[in-house]
Amino acid sequence: MQCVTAANCYSNTVGNPTTNTCSNPQNCPTSPYMFADLTNKICTTRCASTWGDTVSRTCVTVCPWNPQTYVTWSNADTRQCVTQCPEYPIMYADNHTKSCVVSCPQQPTVNHSTYADPISQSCVEQCPTGYYTDTASLTCVTACDSIPTIQFFNPMNGSCVSQCPTGYYAELSTLTCVTSCSSSPRYYAH
């Protein structure tokens, strides 16, 4: 045996910094958790220009994506393939880019604008039941916000809007677009 750099380890082996030997990629340490970087032939805690796949424990150019078995999203903060995006700071799983994002993609990047769903922690084209699409914050919300600008719930498409569509009136007490003003207390359309 002789001392060699990781680049000179035998084929199908990588440099293992824990044992200081060239070893099988599956033998990369689990504490700290390491991935086999087959390009640079070394066990590493962070894949340099690729993604660490926690299932195969190797650095991969694309995170695994097979809806029949399992899907993962790339997390740029950790350079890992994850089955759920981080909760803090909150990130959303974007199926278009197959990555964790801070804000969901909008047209023209995607065919339909997507909204951040806090329940599934993913980007969705339609918010779940009981949630509205807030076009200002691009998130799914349970109530339309009045900060920084007043928004009203539009029952025609389930979204929050700053101005109600033709034929609807902005009801300030409920922040809702209505076809007729409330009679108790009495409000008047103008």
C-alpha atoms as a PDB file:
ATOM      1  CA  MET A   1       0.000   0.000   0.000  1.00  0.00           C
ATOM      2  CA  GLN A   2       1.034   3.560  -0.534  1.00  0.00           C
ATOM      3  CA  CYS A   3      -0.174   7.040   0.377  1.00  0.00           C
ATOM      4  CA  VAL A   4      -2.119   8.738  -2.443  1.00  0.00           C
ATOM      5  CA  THR A   5      -4.357  11.763  -2.882  1.00  0.00           C
ATOM      6  CA  ALA A   6      -8.121  11.177  -3.215  1.00  0.00           C
ATOM      7  CA  ALA A   7      -7.801  11.815  -6.966  1.00  0.00           C
ATOM      8  CA  ASN A   8      -5.468   8.797  -7.162  1.00  0.00           C
ATOM      9  CA  CYS A   9      -7.710   6.367  -5.261  1.00  0.00           C
ATOM     10  CA  TYR A  10      -8.514   3.221  -7.228  1.00  0.00           C
ATOM     11  CA  SER A  11     -11.540   3.316  -9.518  1.00  0.00           C
ATOM     12  CA  ASN A  12     -14.880   3.007  -7.709  1.00  0.00           C
ATOM     13  CA  THR A  13     -13.321   4.203  -4.437  1.00  0.00           C
ATOM     14  CA  VAL A  14     -13.216   7.590  -2.729  1.00  0.00           C
ATOM     15  CA  GLY A  15     -11.013   9.222  -0.131  1.00  0.00           C
ATOM     16  CA  ASN A  16     -12.514   8.739   3.321  1.00  0.00           C
ATOM     17  CA  PRO A  17     -11.298  11.513   5.675  1.00  0.00           C
ATOM     18  CA  THR A  18     -12.335   9.592   8.794  1.00  0.00           C
ATOM     19  CA  THR A  19     -10.305   6.457   8.080  1.00  0.00           C
ATOM     20  CA  ASN A  20      -7.725   8.164   5.830  1.00  0.00           C
ATOM     21  CA  THR A  21      -8.144   5.351   3.327  1.00  0.00           C
ATOM     22  CA  CYS A  22      -9.578   4.911  -0.154  1.00  0.00           C
ATOM     23  CA  SER A  23     -12.858   3.087   0.413  1.00  0.00           C
ATOM     24  CA  ASN A  24     -16.165   2.088  -1.132  1.00  0.00           C
ATOM     25  CA  PRO A  25     -18.445   5.169  -1.598  1.00  0.00           C
ATOM     26  CA  GLN A  26     -21.109   3.486   0.606  1.00  0.00           C
ATOM     27  CA  ASN A  27     -18.601   3.606   3.467  1.00  0.00           C
ATOM     28  CA  CYS A  28     -18.557   7.409   3.685  1.00  0.00           C
ATOM     29  CA  PRO A  29     -19.153   8.429   7.321  1.00  0.00           C
ATOM     30  CA  THR A  30     -22.640   8.996   8.676  1.00  0.00           C
ATOM     31  CA  SER A  31     -21.484  11.172  11.560  1.00  0.00           C
ATOM     32  CA  PRO A  32     -20.930  13.742  10.341  1.00  0.00           C
ATOM     33  CA  TYR A  33     -23.174  12.774   7.416  1.00  0.00           C
ATOM     34  CA  MET A  34     -21.090  12.624   4.231  1.00  0.00           C
ATOM     35  CA  PHE A  35     -21.764  12.107   0.555  1.00  0.00           C
ATOM     36  CA  ALA A  36     -19.539  10.322  -1.943  1.00  0.00           C
ATOM     37  CA  ASP A  37     -18.399  12.907  -4.497  1.00  0.00           C
ATOM     38  CA  LEU A  38     -17.525  10.542  -7.350  1.00  0.00           C
ATOM     39  CA  THR A  39     -16.160  13.377  -9.528  1.00  0.00           C
ATOM     40  CA  ASN A  40     -13.602  14.555  -6.967  1.00  0.00           C
ATOM     41  CA  LYS A  41     -13.302  11.037  -5.470  1.00  0.00           C
ATOM     42  CA  ILE A  42     -13.803  12.083  -1.842  1.00  0.00           C
ATOM     43  CA  CYS A  43     -16.349  11.855   0.979  1.00  0.00           C
ATOM     44  CA  THR A  44     -17.699  15.351   1.674  1.00  0.00           C
ATOM     45  CA  THR A  45     -20.242  16.974   3.991  1.00  0.00           C
ATOM     46  CA  ARG A  46     -21.284  19.411   1.254  1.00  0.00           C
ATOM     47  CA  CYS A  47     -21.335  18.689  -2.470  1.00  0.00           C
ATOM     48  CA  ALA A  48     -19.527  21.540  -4.227  1.00  0.00           C
ATOM     49  CA  SER A  49     -21.428  22.048  -7.493  1.00  0.00           C
ATOM     50  CA  THR A  50     -23.917  19.180  -7.265  1.00  0.00           C
ATOM     51  CA  TRP A  51     -26.547  17.973  -4.767  1.00  0.00           C
ATOM     52  CA  GLY A  52     -26.171  15.519  -1.896  1.00  0.00           C
ATOM     53  CA  ASP A  53     -28.733  12.736  -2.306  1.00  0.00           C
ATOM     54  CA  THR A  54     -29.528  11.381   1.163  1.00  0.00           C
ATOM     55  CA  VAL A  55     -30.868   8.100  -0.274  1.00  0.00           C
ATOM     56  CA  SER A  56     -27.894   7.082  -2.465  1.00  0.00           C
ATOM     57  CA  ARG A  57     -25.475   9.080  -0.250  1.00  0.00           C
ATOM     58  CA  THR A  58     -23.741  10.406  -3.371  1.00  0.00           C
ATOM     59  CA  CYS A  59     -23.386  13.800  -5.005  1.00  0.00           C
ATOM     60  CA  VAL A  60     -25.789  13.938  -7.967  1.00  0.00           C
ATOM     61  CA  THR A  61     -26.234  16.489 -10.756  1.00  0.00           C
ATOM     62  CA  VAL A  62     -30.051  16.311 -10.488  1.00  0.00           C
ATOM     63  CA  CYS A  63     -32.078  15.407  -7.419  1.00  0.00           C
ATOM     64  CA  PRO A  64     -34.180  12.225  -7.778  1.00  0.00           C
ATOM     65  CA  TRP A  65     -37.670  12.895  -9.151  1.00  0.00           C
ATOM     66  CA  ASN A  66     -39.973   9.946  -9.638  1.00  0.00           C
ATOM     67  CA  PRO A  67     -43.589  10.520  -8.495  1.00  0.00           C
ATOM     68  CA  GLN A  68     -44.138   6.724  -8.382  1.00  0.00           C
ATOM     69  CA  THR A  69     -41.456   6.217  -5.727  1.00  0.00           C
ATOM     70  CA  TYR A  70     -40.368   9.500  -4.170  1.00  0.00           C
ATOM     71  CA  VAL A  71     -39.506  13.062  -5.106  1.00  0.00           C
ATOM     72  CA  THR A  72     -36.893  15.424  -3.745  1.00  0.00           C
ATOM     73  CA  TRP A  73     -36.222  19.120  -4.181  1.00  0.00           C
ATOM     74  CA  SER A  74     -32.804  20.743  -4.302  1.00  0.00           C
ATOM     75  CA  ASN A  75     -32.036  22.989  -1.340  1.00  0.00           C
ATOM     76  CA  ALA A  76     -29.414  25.571  -2.323  1.00  0.00           C
ATOM     77  CA  ASP A  77     -28.666  26.409   1.336  1.00  0.00           C
ATOM     78  CA  THR A  78     -27.527  22.876   2.223  1.00  0.00           C
ATOM     79  CA  ARG A  79     -26.701  21.612  -1.319  1.00  0.00           C
ATOM     80  CA  GLN A  80     -28.831  18.564  -0.508  1.00  0.00           C
ATOM     81  CA  CYS A  81     -31.832  16.822  -2.045  1.00  0.00           C
ATOM     82  CA  VAL A  82     -34.643  17.070   0.504  1.00  0.00           C
ATOM     83  CA  THR A  83     -38.064  15.437   0.778  1.00  0.00           C
ATOM     84  CA  GLN A  84     -39.418  18.547   2.526  1.00  0.00           C
ATOM     85  CA  CYS A  85     -38.226  22.125   2.211  1.00  0.00           C
ATOM     86  CA  PRO A  86     -37.043  23.955   5.371  1.00  0.00           C
ATOM     87  CA  GLU A  87     -39.629  25.410   7.731  1.00  0.00           C
ATOM     88  CA  TYR A  88     -37.279  28.106   9.048  1.00  0.00           C
ATOM     89  CA  PRO A  89     -36.684  30.218   7.194  1.00  0.00           C
ATOM     90  CA  ILE A  90     -39.739  28.947   5.357  1.00  0.00           C
ATOM     91  CA  MET A  91     -39.179  27.736   1.813  1.00  0.00           C
ATOM     92  CA  TYR A  92     -41.651  26.213  -0.632  1.00  0.00           C
ATOM     93  CA  ALA A  93     -41.326  23.108  -2.810  1.00  0.00           C
ATOM     94  CA  ASP A  94     -41.535  24.233  -6.453  1.00  0.00           C
ATOM     95  CA  ASN A  95     -42.385  21.378  -8.813  1.00  0.00           C
ATOM     96  CA  HIS A  96     -41.473  23.466 -11.876  1.00  0.00           C
ATOM     97  CA  THR A  97     -37.833  24.034 -10.896  1.00  0.00           C
ATOM     98  CA  LYS A  98     -37.703  20.990  -8.567  1.00  0.00           C
ATOM     99  CA  SER A  99     -36.113  23.173  -5.919  1.00  0.00           C
ATOM    100  CA  CYS A 100     -36.902  24.872  -2.611  1.00  0.00           C
ATOM    101  CA  VAL A 101     -37.744  28.538  -3.182  1.00  0.00           C
ATOM    102  CA  VAL A 102     -38.397  31.571  -0.988  1.00  0.00           C
ATOM    103  CA  SER A 103     -41.157  32.807  -3.317  1.00  0.00           C
ATOM    104  CA  CYS A 104     -43.117  30.832  -5.883  1.00  0.00           C
ATOM    105  CA  PRO A 105     -42.574  31.451  -9.617  1.00  0.00           C
ATOM    106  CA  GLN A 106     -44.879  33.746 -11.568  1.00  0.00           C
ATOM    107  CA  GLN A 107     -45.785  34.142 -15.230  1.00  0.00           C
ATOM    108  CA  PRO A 108     -44.064  34.257 -17.711  1.00  0.00           C
ATOM    109  CA  THR A 109     -41.604  31.861 -16.003  1.00  0.00           C
ATOM    110  CA  VAL A 110     -44.415  29.303 -15.658  1.00  0.00           C
ATOM    111  CA  ASN A 111     -47.691  28.814 -17.562  1.00  0.00           C
ATOM    112  CA  HIS A 112     -49.792  29.744 -14.534  1.00  0.00           C
ATOM    113  CA  SER A 113     -48.783  31.862 -11.568  1.00  0.00           C
ATOM    114  CA  THR A 114     -48.230  29.838  -8.420  1.00  0.00           C
ATOM    115  CA  TYR A 115     -48.860  30.737  -4.806  1.00  0.00           C
ATOM    116  CA  ALA A 116     -47.077  29.772  -1.593  1.00  0.00           C
ATOM    117  CA  ASP A 117     -49.295  27.317   0.315  1.00  0.00           C
ATOM    118  CA  PRO A 118     -48.410  27.318   4.033  1.00  0.00           C
ATOM    119  CA  ILE A 119     -50.230  23.997   4.604  1.00  0.00           C
ATOM    120  CA  SER A 120     -48.356  21.824   2.072  1.00  0.00           C
ATOM    121  CA  GLN A 121     -45.334  24.162   2.083  1.00  0.00           C
ATOM    122  CA  SER A 122     -45.356  24.029  -1.709  1.00  0.00           C
ATOM    123  CA  CYS A 123     -46.106  26.226  -4.719  1.00  0.00           C
ATOM    124  CA  VAL A 124     -49.665  25.655  -5.927  1.00  0.00           C
ATOM    125  CA  GLU A 125     -51.731  26.961  -8.832  1.00  0.00           C
ATOM    126  CA  GLN A 126     -54.875  26.891  -6.688  1.00  0.00           C
ATOM    127  CA  CYS A 127     -55.055  27.451  -2.939  1.00  0.00           C
ATOM    128  CA  PRO A 128     -56.643  24.754  -0.745  1.00  0.00           C
ATOM    129  CA  THR A 129     -60.229  25.001   0.506  1.00  0.00           C
ATOM    130  CA  GLY A 130     -60.587  27.785   3.055  1.00  0.00           C
ATOM    131  CA  TYR A 131     -57.629  29.747   1.652  1.00  0.00           C
ATOM    132  CA  TYR A 132     -57.561  32.637  -0.816  1.00  0.00           C
ATOM    133  CA  THR A 133     -54.914  33.649  -3.332  1.00  0.00           C
ATOM    134  CA  ASP A 134     -53.371  36.912  -2.204  1.00  0.00           C
ATOM    135  CA  THR A 135     -52.084  38.453  -5.424  1.00  0.00           C
ATOM    136  CA  ALA A 136     -50.062  41.050  -3.511  1.00  0.00           C
ATOM    137  CA  SER A 137     -48.038  38.631  -1.365  1.00  0.00           C
ATOM    138  CA  LEU A 138     -48.405  35.664  -3.791  1.00  0.00           C
ATOM    139  CA  THR A 139     -49.415  33.406  -0.905  1.00  0.00           C
ATOM    140  CA  CYS A 140     -52.482  31.428   0.156  1.00  0.00           C
ATOM    141  CA  VAL A 141     -54.157  33.240   3.066  1.00  0.00           C
ATOM    142  CA  THR A 142     -57.179  32.636   5.298  1.00  0.00           C
ATOM    143  CA  ALA A 143     -58.206  36.304   5.163  1.00  0.00           C
ATOM    144  CA  CYS A 144     -57.378  39.132   2.798  1.00  0.00           C
ATOM    145  CA  ASP A 145     -54.913  41.569   4.302  1.00  0.00           C
ATOM    146  CA  SER A 146     -55.337  45.293   4.815  1.00  0.00           C
ATOM    147  CA  ILE A 147     -51.609  46.025   5.120  1.00  0.00           C
ATOM    148  CA  PRO A 148     -49.918  47.718   3.269  1.00  0.00           C
ATOM    149  CA  THR A 149     -52.991  48.266   1.035  1.00  0.00           C
ATOM    150  CA  ILE A 150     -56.563  47.192   1.653  1.00  0.00           C
ATOM    151  CA  GLN A 151     -57.446  43.984  -0.185  1.00  0.00           C
ATOM    152  CA  PHE A 152     -60.877  42.450  -0.660  1.00  0.00           C
ATOM    153  CA  PHE A 153     -61.872  38.821  -1.146  1.00  0.00           C
ATOM    154  CA  ASN A 154     -63.147  38.328  -4.711  1.00  0.00           C
ATOM    155  CA  PRO A 155     -65.644  35.423  -4.654  1.00  0.00           C
ATOM    156  CA  MET A 156     -65.535  35.163  -8.470  1.00  0.00           C
ATOM    157  CA  ASN A 157     -62.053  33.610  -8.475  1.00  0.00           C
ATOM    158  CA  GLY A 158     -61.162  33.144  -4.781  1.00  0.00           C
ATOM    159  CA  SER A 159     -58.455  35.804  -4.779  1.00  0.00           C
ATOM    160  CA  CYS A 160     -57.624  38.954  -2.846  1.00  0.00           C
ATOM    161  CA  VAL A 161     -57.877  42.111  -4.954  1.00  0.00           C
ATOM    162  CA  SER A 162     -57.285  45.811  -4.346  1.00  0.00           C
ATOM    163  CA  GLN A 163     -60.339  46.724  -6.451  1.00  0.00           C
ATOM    164  CA  CYS A 164     -63.546  44.706  -6.809  1.00  0.00           C
ATOM    165  CA  PRO A 165     -64.633  43.664 -10.316  1.00  0.00           C
ATOM    166  CA  THR A 166     -67.474  45.378 -12.181  1.00  0.00           C
ATOM    167  CA  GLY A 167     -70.837  44.646 -10.542  1.00  0.00           C
ATOM    168  CA  TYR A 168     -69.307  44.186  -7.085  1.00  0.00           C
ATOM    169  CA  TYR A 169     -68.862  46.613  -4.189  1.00  0.00           C
ATOM    170  CA  ALA A 170     -66.009  46.707  -1.677  1.00  0.00           C
ATOM    171  CA  GLU A 171     -67.443  45.862   1.752  1.00  0.00           C
ATOM    172  CA  LEU A 172     -65.001  47.484   4.208  1.00  0.00           C
ATOM    173  CA  SER A 173     -66.374  45.746   7.313  1.00  0.00           C
ATOM    174  CA  THR A 174     -65.681  42.249   5.922  1.00  0.00           C
ATOM    175  CA  LEU A 175     -63.017  43.069   3.300  1.00  0.00           C
ATOM    176  CA  THR A 176     -65.158  41.227   0.736  1.00  0.00           C
ATOM    177  CA  CYS A 177     -66.457  42.052  -2.752  1.00  0.00           C
ATOM    178  CA  VAL A 178     -70.269  41.889  -2.573  1.00  0.00           C
ATOM    179  CA  THR A 179     -73.120  42.290  -5.082  1.00  0.00           C
ATOM    180  CA  SER A 180     -75.155  44.358  -2.611  1.00  0.00           C
ATOM    181  CA  CYS A 181     -74.160  46.316   0.464  1.00  0.00           C
ATOM    182  CA  SER A 182     -74.981  45.059   3.960  1.00  0.00           C
ATOM    183  CA  SER A 183     -78.333  46.043   5.404  1.00  0.00           C
ATOM    184  CA  SER A 184     -77.308  45.484   9.029  1.00  0.00           C
ATOM    185  CA  PRO A 185     -75.657  47.790   9.722  1.00  0.00           C
ATOM    186  CA  ARG A 186     -76.866  49.670   6.693  1.00  0.00           C
ATOM    187  CA  TYR A 187     -74.244  50.444   4.036  1.00  0.00           C
ATOM    188  CA  TYR A 188     -74.821  52.275   0.778  1.00  0.00           C
ATOM    189  CA  ALA A 189     -73.119  51.737  -2.579  1.00  0.00           C
ATOM    190  CA  HIS A 190     -71.394  54.783  -4.049  1.00  0.00           C
END
